[in-house]
PDB file of all heavy atoms in Angstrom:
ATOM      1  N   LEU A   1       0.213   9.577   2.857  1.00  0.00           N
ATOM      2  CA  LEU A   1      -0.474   9.028   1.688  1.00  0.00           C
ATOM      3  C   LEU A   1      -0.389   7.505   1.653  1.00  0.00           C
ATOM      4  O   LEU A   1      -1.351   6.822   1.288  1.00  0.00           O
ATOM      5  CB  LEU A   1       0.113   9.620   0.400  1.00  0.00           C
ATOM      6  CG  LEU A   1      -0.160  11.101   0.170  1.00  0.00           C
ATOM      7  CD1 LEU A   1       0.679  11.629  -0.979  1.00  0.00           C
ATOM      8  CD2 LEU A   1      -1.641  11.336  -0.083  1.00  0.00           C
ATOM      9  N   TRP A   2       0.772   6.971   2.030  1.00  0.00           N
ATOM     10  CA  TRP A   2       0.947   5.518   2.090  1.00  0.00           C
ATOM     11  C   TRP A   2      -0.001   4.910   3.121  1.00  0.00           C
ATOM     12  O   TRP A   2      -0.652   3.892   2.870  1.00  0.00           O
ATOM     13  CB  TRP A   2       2.406   5.192   2.406  1.00  0.00           C
ATOM     14  CG  TRP A   2       2.685   3.744   2.656  1.00  0.00           C
ATOM     15  CD1 TRP A   2       3.117   3.195   3.816  1.00  0.00           C
ATOM     16  CD2 TRP A   2       2.568   2.661   1.723  1.00  0.00           C
ATOM     17  NE1 TRP A   2       3.269   1.831   3.671  1.00  0.00           N
ATOM     18  CE2 TRP A   2       2.941   1.479   2.399  1.00  0.00           C
ATOM     19  CE3 TRP A   2       2.181   2.572   0.400  1.00  0.00           C
ATOM     20  CZ2 TRP A   2       2.944   0.235   1.781  1.00  0.00           C
ATOM     21  CZ3 TRP A   2       2.182   1.327  -0.213  1.00  0.00           C
ATOM     22  CH2 TRP A   2       2.555   0.178   0.479  1.00  0.00           C
ATOM     23  N   TRP A   3      -0.080   5.531   4.293  1.00  0.00           N
ATOM     24  CA  TRP A   3      -0.962   5.049   5.362  1.00  0.00           C
ATOM     25  C   TRP A   3      -2.418   5.044   4.880  1.00  0.00           C
ATOM     26  O   TRP A   3      -3.144   4.060   5.092  1.00  0.00           O
ATOM     27  CB  TRP A   3      -0.818   5.931   6.593  1.00  0.00           C
ATOM     28  CG  TRP A   3      -1.629   5.462   7.754  1.00  0.00           C
ATOM     29  CD1 TRP A   3      -2.906   5.825   8.070  1.00  0.00           C
ATOM     30  CD2 TRP A   3      -1.235   4.504   8.728  1.00  0.00           C
ATOM     31  NE1 TRP A   3      -3.332   5.175   9.182  1.00  0.00           N
ATOM     32  CE2 TRP A   3      -2.315   4.349   9.617  1.00  0.00           C
ATOM     33  CE3 TRP A   3      -0.083   3.771   8.949  1.00  0.00           C
ATOM     34  CZ2 TRP A   3      -2.280   3.500  10.697  1.00  0.00           C
ATOM     35  CZ3 TRP A   3      -0.044   2.917  10.044  1.00  0.00           C
ATOM     36  CH2 TRP A   3      -1.127   2.785  10.903  1.00  0.00           C
ATOM     37  N   GLU A   4      -2.840   6.119   4.226  1.00  0.00           N
ATOM     38  CA  GLU A   4      -4.207   6.206   3.714  1.00  0.00           C
ATOM     39  C   GLU A   4      -4.474   5.131   2.660  1.00  0.00           C
ATOM     40  O   GLU A   4      -5.522   4.492   2.667  1.00  0.00           O
ATOM     41  CB  GLU A   4      -4.469   7.595   3.120  1.00  0.00           C
ATOM     42  CG  GLU A   4      -4.521   8.687   4.162  1.00  0.00           C
ATOM     43  CD  GLU A   4      -4.525  10.090   3.567  1.00  0.00           C
ATOM     44  OE1 GLU A   4      -4.517  10.229   2.315  1.00  0.00           O
ATOM     45  OE2 GLU A   4      -4.517  11.051   4.349  1.00  0.00           O
ATOM     46  N   TYR A   5      -3.493   4.934   1.778  1.00  0.00           N
ATOM     47  CA  TYR A   5      -3.624   3.912   0.742  1.00  0.00           C
ATOM     48  C   TYR A   5      -3.759   2.522   1.378  1.00  0.00           C
ATOM     49  O   TYR A   5      -4.633   1.738   0.999  1.00  0.00           O
ATOM     50  CB  TYR A   5      -2.417   3.961  -0.199  1.00  0.00           C
ATOM     51  CG  TYR A   5      -2.369   2.818  -1.167  1.00  0.00           C
ATOM     52  CD1 TYR A   5      -3.116   2.849  -2.344  1.00  0.00           C
ATOM     53  CD2 TYR A   5      -1.593   1.688  -0.900  1.00  0.00           C
ATOM     54  CE1 TYR A   5      -3.086   1.776  -3.226  1.00  0.00           C
ATOM     55  CE2 TYR A   5      -1.556   0.624  -1.783  1.00  0.00           C
ATOM     56  CZ  TYR A   5      -2.311   0.670  -2.936  1.00  0.00           C
ATOM     57  OH  TYR A   5      -2.292  -0.388  -3.806  1.00  0.00           O
ATOM     58  N   CYS A   6      -2.887   2.216   2.335  1.00  0.00           N
ATOM     59  CA  CYS A   6      -2.927   0.883   2.986  1.00  0.00           C
ATOM     60  C   CYS A   6      -4.227   0.666   3.740  1.00  0.00           C
ATOM     61  O   CYS A   6      -4.798  -0.431   3.700  1.00  0.00           O
ATOM     62  CB  CYS A   6      -1.730   0.746   3.928  1.00  0.00           C
ATOM     63  SG  CYS A   6      -0.153   0.608   3.066  1.00  0.00           S
ATOM     64  N   SER A   7      -4.712   1.699   4.409  1.00  0.00           N
ATOM     65  CA  SER A   7      -5.979   1.584   5.137  1.00  0.00           C
ATOM     66  C   SER A   7      -7.139   1.343   4.183  1.00  0.00           C
ATOM     67  O   SER A   7      -8.000   0.503   4.438  1.00  0.00           O
ATOM     68  CB  SER A   7      -6.245   2.860   5.944  1.00  0.00           C
ATOM     69  OG  SER A   7      -5.246   3.035   6.901  1.00  0.00           O
ATOM     70  N   ARG A   8      -7.158   2.065   3.087  1.00  0.00           N
ATOM     71  CA  ARG A   8      -8.241   1.960   2.113  1.00  0.00           C
ATOM     72  C   ARG A   8      -8.239   0.605   1.391  1.00  0.00           C
ATOM     73  O   ARG A   8      -9.272   0.004   1.169  1.00  0.00           O
ATOM     74  CB  ARG A   8      -8.135   3.107   1.116  1.00  0.00           C
ATOM     75  CG  ARG A   8      -9.270   3.180   0.119  1.00  0.00           C
ATOM     76  CD  ARG A   8      -9.104   4.278  -0.911  1.00  0.00           C
ATOM     77  NE  ARG A   8      -7.921   4.026  -1.734  1.00  0.00           N
ATOM     78  CZ  ARG A   8      -6.857   4.819  -1.784  1.00  0.00           C
ATOM     79  NH1 ARG A   8      -6.809   5.927  -1.070  1.00  0.00           N
ATOM     80  NH2 ARG A   8      -5.823   4.511  -2.534  1.00  0.00           N
ATOM     81  N   ASP A   9      -7.030   0.114   1.036  1.00  0.00           N
ATOM     82  CA  ASP A   9      -6.927  -1.110   0.240  1.00  0.00           C
ATOM     83  C   ASP A   9      -6.562  -2.350   1.061  1.00  0.00           C
ATOM     84  O   ASP A   9      -6.235  -3.388   0.490  1.00  0.00           O
ATOM     85  CB  ASP A   9      -5.904  -0.916  -0.883  1.00  0.00           C
ATOM     86  CG  ASP A   9      -6.414   0.012  -1.959  1.00  0.00           C
ATOM     87  OD1 ASP A   9      -7.454   0.658  -1.769  1.00  0.00           O
ATOM     88  OD2 ASP A   9      -5.762   0.095  -3.018  1.00  0.00           O
ATOM     89  N   ASP A  10      -6.602  -2.213   2.389  1.00  0.00           N
ATOM     90  CA  ASP A  10      -6.319  -3.323   3.297  1.00  0.00           C
ATOM     91  C   ASP A  10      -4.950  -3.954   3.017  1.00  0.00           C
ATOM     92  O   ASP A  10      -4.825  -5.167   2.814  1.00  0.00           O
ATOM     93  CB  ASP A  10      -7.427  -4.373   3.216  1.00  0.00           C
ATOM     94  CG  ASP A  10      -7.408  -5.313   4.407  1.00  0.00           C
ATOM     95  OD1 ASP A  10      -6.966  -4.887   5.498  1.00  0.00           O
ATOM     96  OD2 ASP A  10      -7.802  -6.488   4.245  1.00  0.00           O
ATOM     97  N   VAL A  11      -3.923  -3.102   2.974  1.00  0.00           N
ATOM     98  CA  VAL A  11      -2.537  -3.531   2.750  1.00  0.00           C
ATOM     99  C   VAL A  11      -1.769  -3.355   4.052  1.00  0.00           C
ATOM    100  O   VAL A  11      -1.946  -2.358   4.756  1.00  0.00           O
ATOM    101  CB  VAL A  11      -1.890  -2.670   1.622  1.00  0.00           C
ATOM    102  CG1 VAL A  11      -0.415  -2.970   1.482  1.00  0.00           C
ATOM    103  CG2 VAL A  11      -2.625  -2.873   0.315  1.00  0.00           C
ATOM    104  N   ASN A  12      -0.920  -4.322   4.384  1.00  0.00           N
ATOM    105  CA  ASN A  12      -0.080  -4.202   5.573  1.00  0.00           C
ATOM    106  C   ASN A  12       0.933  -3.075   5.342  1.00  0.00           C
ATOM    107  O   ASN A  12       1.700  -3.108   4.381  1.00  0.00           O
ATOM    108  CB  ASN A  12       0.634  -5.519   5.857  1.00  0.00           C
ATOM    109  CG  ASN A  12       1.398  -5.465   7.162  1.00  0.00           C
ATOM    110  OD1 ASN A  12       2.159  -4.543   7.428  1.00  0.00           O
ATOM    111  ND2 ASN A  12       1.187  -6.470   7.993  1.00  0.00           N
ATOM    112  N   VAL A  13       0.944  -2.091   6.230  1.00  0.00           N
ATOM    113  CA  VAL A  13       1.788  -0.890   6.084  1.00  0.00           C
ATOM    114  C   VAL A  13       3.268  -1.243   6.056  1.00  0.00           C
ATOM    115  O   VAL A  13       4.034  -0.645   5.288  1.00  0.00           O
ATOM    116  CB  VAL A  13       1.502   0.105   7.235  1.00  0.00           C
ATOM    117  CG1 VAL A  13       2.444   1.291   7.180  1.00  0.00           C
ATOM    118  CG2 VAL A  13       0.058   0.569   7.203  1.00  0.00           C
ATOM    119  N   PHE A  14       3.675  -2.202   6.865  1.00  0.00           N
ATOM    120  CA  PHE A  14       5.103  -2.490   7.036  1.00  0.00           C
ATOM    121  C   PHE A  14       5.621  -3.676   6.227  1.00  0.00           C
ATOM    122  O   PHE A  14       6.827  -3.831   6.069  1.00  0.00           O
ATOM    123  CB  PHE A  14       5.414  -2.702   8.528  1.00  0.00           C
ATOM    124  CG  PHE A  14       5.091  -1.500   9.359  1.00  0.00           C
ATOM    125  CD1 PHE A  14       3.980  -1.480  10.178  1.00  0.00           C
ATOM    126  CD2 PHE A  14       5.888  -0.360   9.292  1.00  0.00           C
ATOM    127  CE1 PHE A  14       3.677  -0.356  10.943  1.00  0.00           C
ATOM    128  CE2 PHE A  14       5.595   0.760  10.045  1.00  0.00           C
ATOM    129  CZ  PHE A  14       4.480   0.763  10.871  1.00  0.00           C
ATOM    130  N   THR A  15       4.732  -4.524   5.722  1.00  0.00           N
ATOM    131  CA  THR A  15       5.174  -5.668   4.914  1.00  0.00           C
ATOM    132  C   THR A  15       4.297  -5.828   3.675  1.00  0.00           C
ATOM    133  O   THR A  15       3.670  -6.877   3.486  1.00  0.00           O
ATOM    134  CB  THR A  15       5.160  -6.971   5.750  1.00  0.00           C
ATOM    135  OG1 THR A  15       3.832  -7.164   6.257  1.00  0.00           O
ATOM    136  CG2 THR A  15       6.176  -6.941   6.873  1.00  0.00           C
ATOM    137  N   PRO A  16       4.269  -4.832   2.825  1.00  0.00           N
ATOM    138  CA  PRO A  16       3.443  -4.929   1.628  1.00  0.00           C
ATOM    139  C   PRO A  16       4.148  -5.736   0.549  1.00  0.00           C
ATOM    140  O   PRO A  16       5.362  -5.934   0.584  1.00  0.00           O
ATOM    141  CB  PRO A  16       3.301  -3.478   1.190  1.00  0.00           C
ATOM    142  CG  PRO A  16       4.617  -2.884   1.584  1.00  0.00           C
ATOM    143  CD  PRO A  16       4.973  -3.552   2.892  1.00  0.00           C
ATOM    144  N   SER A  17       3.398  -6.148  -0.420  1.00  0.00           N
ATOM    145  CA  SER A  17       4.007  -6.774  -1.595  1.00  0.00           C
ATOM    146  C   SER A  17       4.546  -5.654  -2.486  1.00  0.00           C
ATOM    147  O   SER A  17       4.129  -4.500  -2.383  1.00  0.00           O
ATOM    148  CB  SER A  17       2.970  -7.598  -2.354  1.00  0.00           C
ATOM    149  OG  SER A  17       1.974  -6.744  -2.883  1.00  0.00           O
ATOM    150  N   VAL A  18       5.463  -6.012  -3.358  1.00  0.00           N
ATOM    151  CA  VAL A  18       6.006  -5.031  -4.307  1.00  0.00           C
ATOM    152  C   VAL A  18       4.883  -4.519  -5.196  1.00  0.00           C
ATOM    153  O   VAL A  18       4.825  -3.333  -5.525  1.00  0.00           O
ATOM    154  CB  VAL A  18       7.151  -5.646  -5.141  1.00  0.00           C
ATOM    155  CG1 VAL A  18       7.593  -4.692  -6.239  1.00  0.00           C
ATOM    156  CG2 VAL A  18       8.326  -6.003  -4.245  1.00  0.00           C
ATOM    157  N   SER A  19       3.953  -5.394  -5.556  1.00  0.00           N
ATOM    158  CA  SER A  19       2.843  -4.958  -6.406  1.00  0.00           C
ATOM    159  C   SER A  19       1.960  -3.927  -5.696  1.00  0.00           C
ATOM    160  O   SER A  19       1.428  -3.022  -6.340  1.00  0.00           O
ATOM    161  CB  SER A  19       2.018  -6.141  -6.892  1.00  0.00           C
ATOM    162  OG  SER A  19       1.452  -6.822  -5.815  1.00  0.00           O
ATOM    163  N   SER A  20       1.843  -4.023  -4.367  1.00  0.00           N
ATOM    164  CA  SER A  20       1.087  -3.015  -3.615  1.00  0.00           C
ATOM    165  C   SER A  20       1.807  -1.667  -3.640  1.00  0.00           C
ATOM    166  O   SER A  20       1.178  -0.619  -3.793  1.00  0.00           O
ATOM    167  CB  SER A  20       0.895  -3.455  -2.164  1.00  0.00           C
ATOM    168  OG  SER A  20       0.071  -4.579  -2.094  1.00  0.00           O
ATOM    169  N   VAL A  21       3.123  -1.699  -3.498  1.00  0.00           N
ATOM    170  CA  VAL A  21       3.905  -0.464  -3.563  1.00  0.00           C
ATOM    171  C   VAL A  21       3.776   0.154  -4.949  1.00  0.00           C
ATOM    172  O   VAL A  21       3.563   1.362  -5.102  1.00  0.00           O
ATOM    173  CB  VAL A  21       5.388  -0.715  -3.202  1.00  0.00           C
ATOM    174  CG1 VAL A  21       6.217   0.546  -3.412  1.00  0.00           C
ATOM    175  CG2 VAL A  21       5.519  -1.196  -1.764  1.00  0.00           C
ATOM    176  N   LEU A  22       3.875  -0.674  -5.980  1.00  0.00           N
ATOM    177  CA  LEU A  22       3.728  -0.174  -7.349  1.00  0.00           C
ATOM    178  C   LEU A  22       2.325   0.373  -7.601  1.00  0.00           C
ATOM    179  O   LEU A  22       2.161   1.386  -8.290  1.00  0.00           O
ATOM    180  CB  LEU A  22       4.050  -1.280  -8.348  1.00  0.00           C
ATOM    181  CG  LEU A  22       5.526  -1.643  -8.462  1.00  0.00           C
ATOM    182  CD1 LEU A  22       5.701  -2.898  -9.298  1.00  0.00           C
ATOM    183  CD2 LEU A  22       6.322  -0.492  -9.040  1.00  0.00           C
ATOM    184  N   SER A  23       1.339  -0.261  -7.041  1.00  0.00           N
ATOM    185  CA  SER A  23      -0.035   0.209  -7.178  1.00  0.00           C
ATOM    186  C   SER A  23      -0.189   1.582  -6.522  1.00  0.00           C
ATOM    187  O   SER A  23      -0.820   2.487  -7.084  1.00  0.00           O
ATOM    188  CB  SER A  23      -0.986  -0.799  -6.556  1.00  0.00           C
ATOM    189  OG  SER A  23      -2.304  -0.356  -6.640  1.00  0.00           O
ATOM    190  N   PHE A  24       0.392   1.744  -5.353  1.00  0.00           N
ATOM    191  CA  PHE A  24       0.371   3.039  -4.655  1.00  0.00           C
ATOM    192  C   PHE A  24       1.060   4.120  -5.490  1.00  0.00           C
ATOM    193  O   PHE A  24       0.522   5.208  -5.691  1.00  0.00           O
ATOM    194  CB  PHE A  24       1.053   2.901  -3.289  1.00  0.00           C
ATOM    195  CG  PHE A  24       1.413   4.217  -2.656  1.00  0.00           C
ATOM    196  CD1 PHE A  24       0.442   5.043  -2.115  1.00  0.00           C
ATOM    197  CD2 PHE A  24       2.739   4.628  -2.606  1.00  0.00           C
ATOM    198  CE1 PHE A  24       0.776   6.263  -1.534  1.00  0.00           C
ATOM    199  CE2 PHE A  24       3.083   5.837  -2.022  1.00  0.00           C
ATOM    200  CZ  PHE A  24       2.104   6.659  -1.492  1.00  0.00           C
ATOM    201  N   LEU A  25       2.261   3.808  -5.988  1.00  0.00           N
ATOM    202  CA  LEU A  25       3.011   4.788  -6.772  1.00  0.00           C
ATOM    203  C   LEU A  25       2.287   5.130  -8.074  1.00  0.00           C
ATOM    204  O   LEU A  25       2.268   6.293  -8.497  1.00  0.00           O
ATOM    205  CB  LEU A  25       4.418   4.265  -7.055  1.00  0.00           C
ATOM    206  CG  LEU A  25       5.337   4.140  -5.841  1.00  0.00           C
ATOM    207  CD1 LEU A  25       6.617   3.395  -6.211  1.00  0.00           C
ATOM    208  CD2 LEU A  25       5.647   5.502  -5.249  1.00  0.00           C
ATOM    209  N   THR A  26       1.660   4.142  -8.687  1.00  0.00           N
ATOM    210  CA  THR A  26       0.897   4.382  -9.914  1.00  0.00           C
ATOM    211  C   THR A  26      -0.301   5.277  -9.625  1.00  0.00           C
ATOM    212  O   THR A  26      -0.608   6.194 -10.387  1.00  0.00           O
ATOM    213  CB  THR A  26       0.432   3.056 -10.533  1.00  0.00           C
ATOM    214  OG1 THR A  26       1.573   2.244 -10.794  1.00  0.00           O
ATOM    215  CG2 THR A  26      -0.339   3.273 -11.806  1.00  0.00           C
TER     216      THR A  26
END
């Protein structure tokens, strides 16, 4: 799910921002 989220939202899988992680969890 994380991989799909990062691919869709153009987020670096291994060095995301905390806000990207929170966005994924939300």
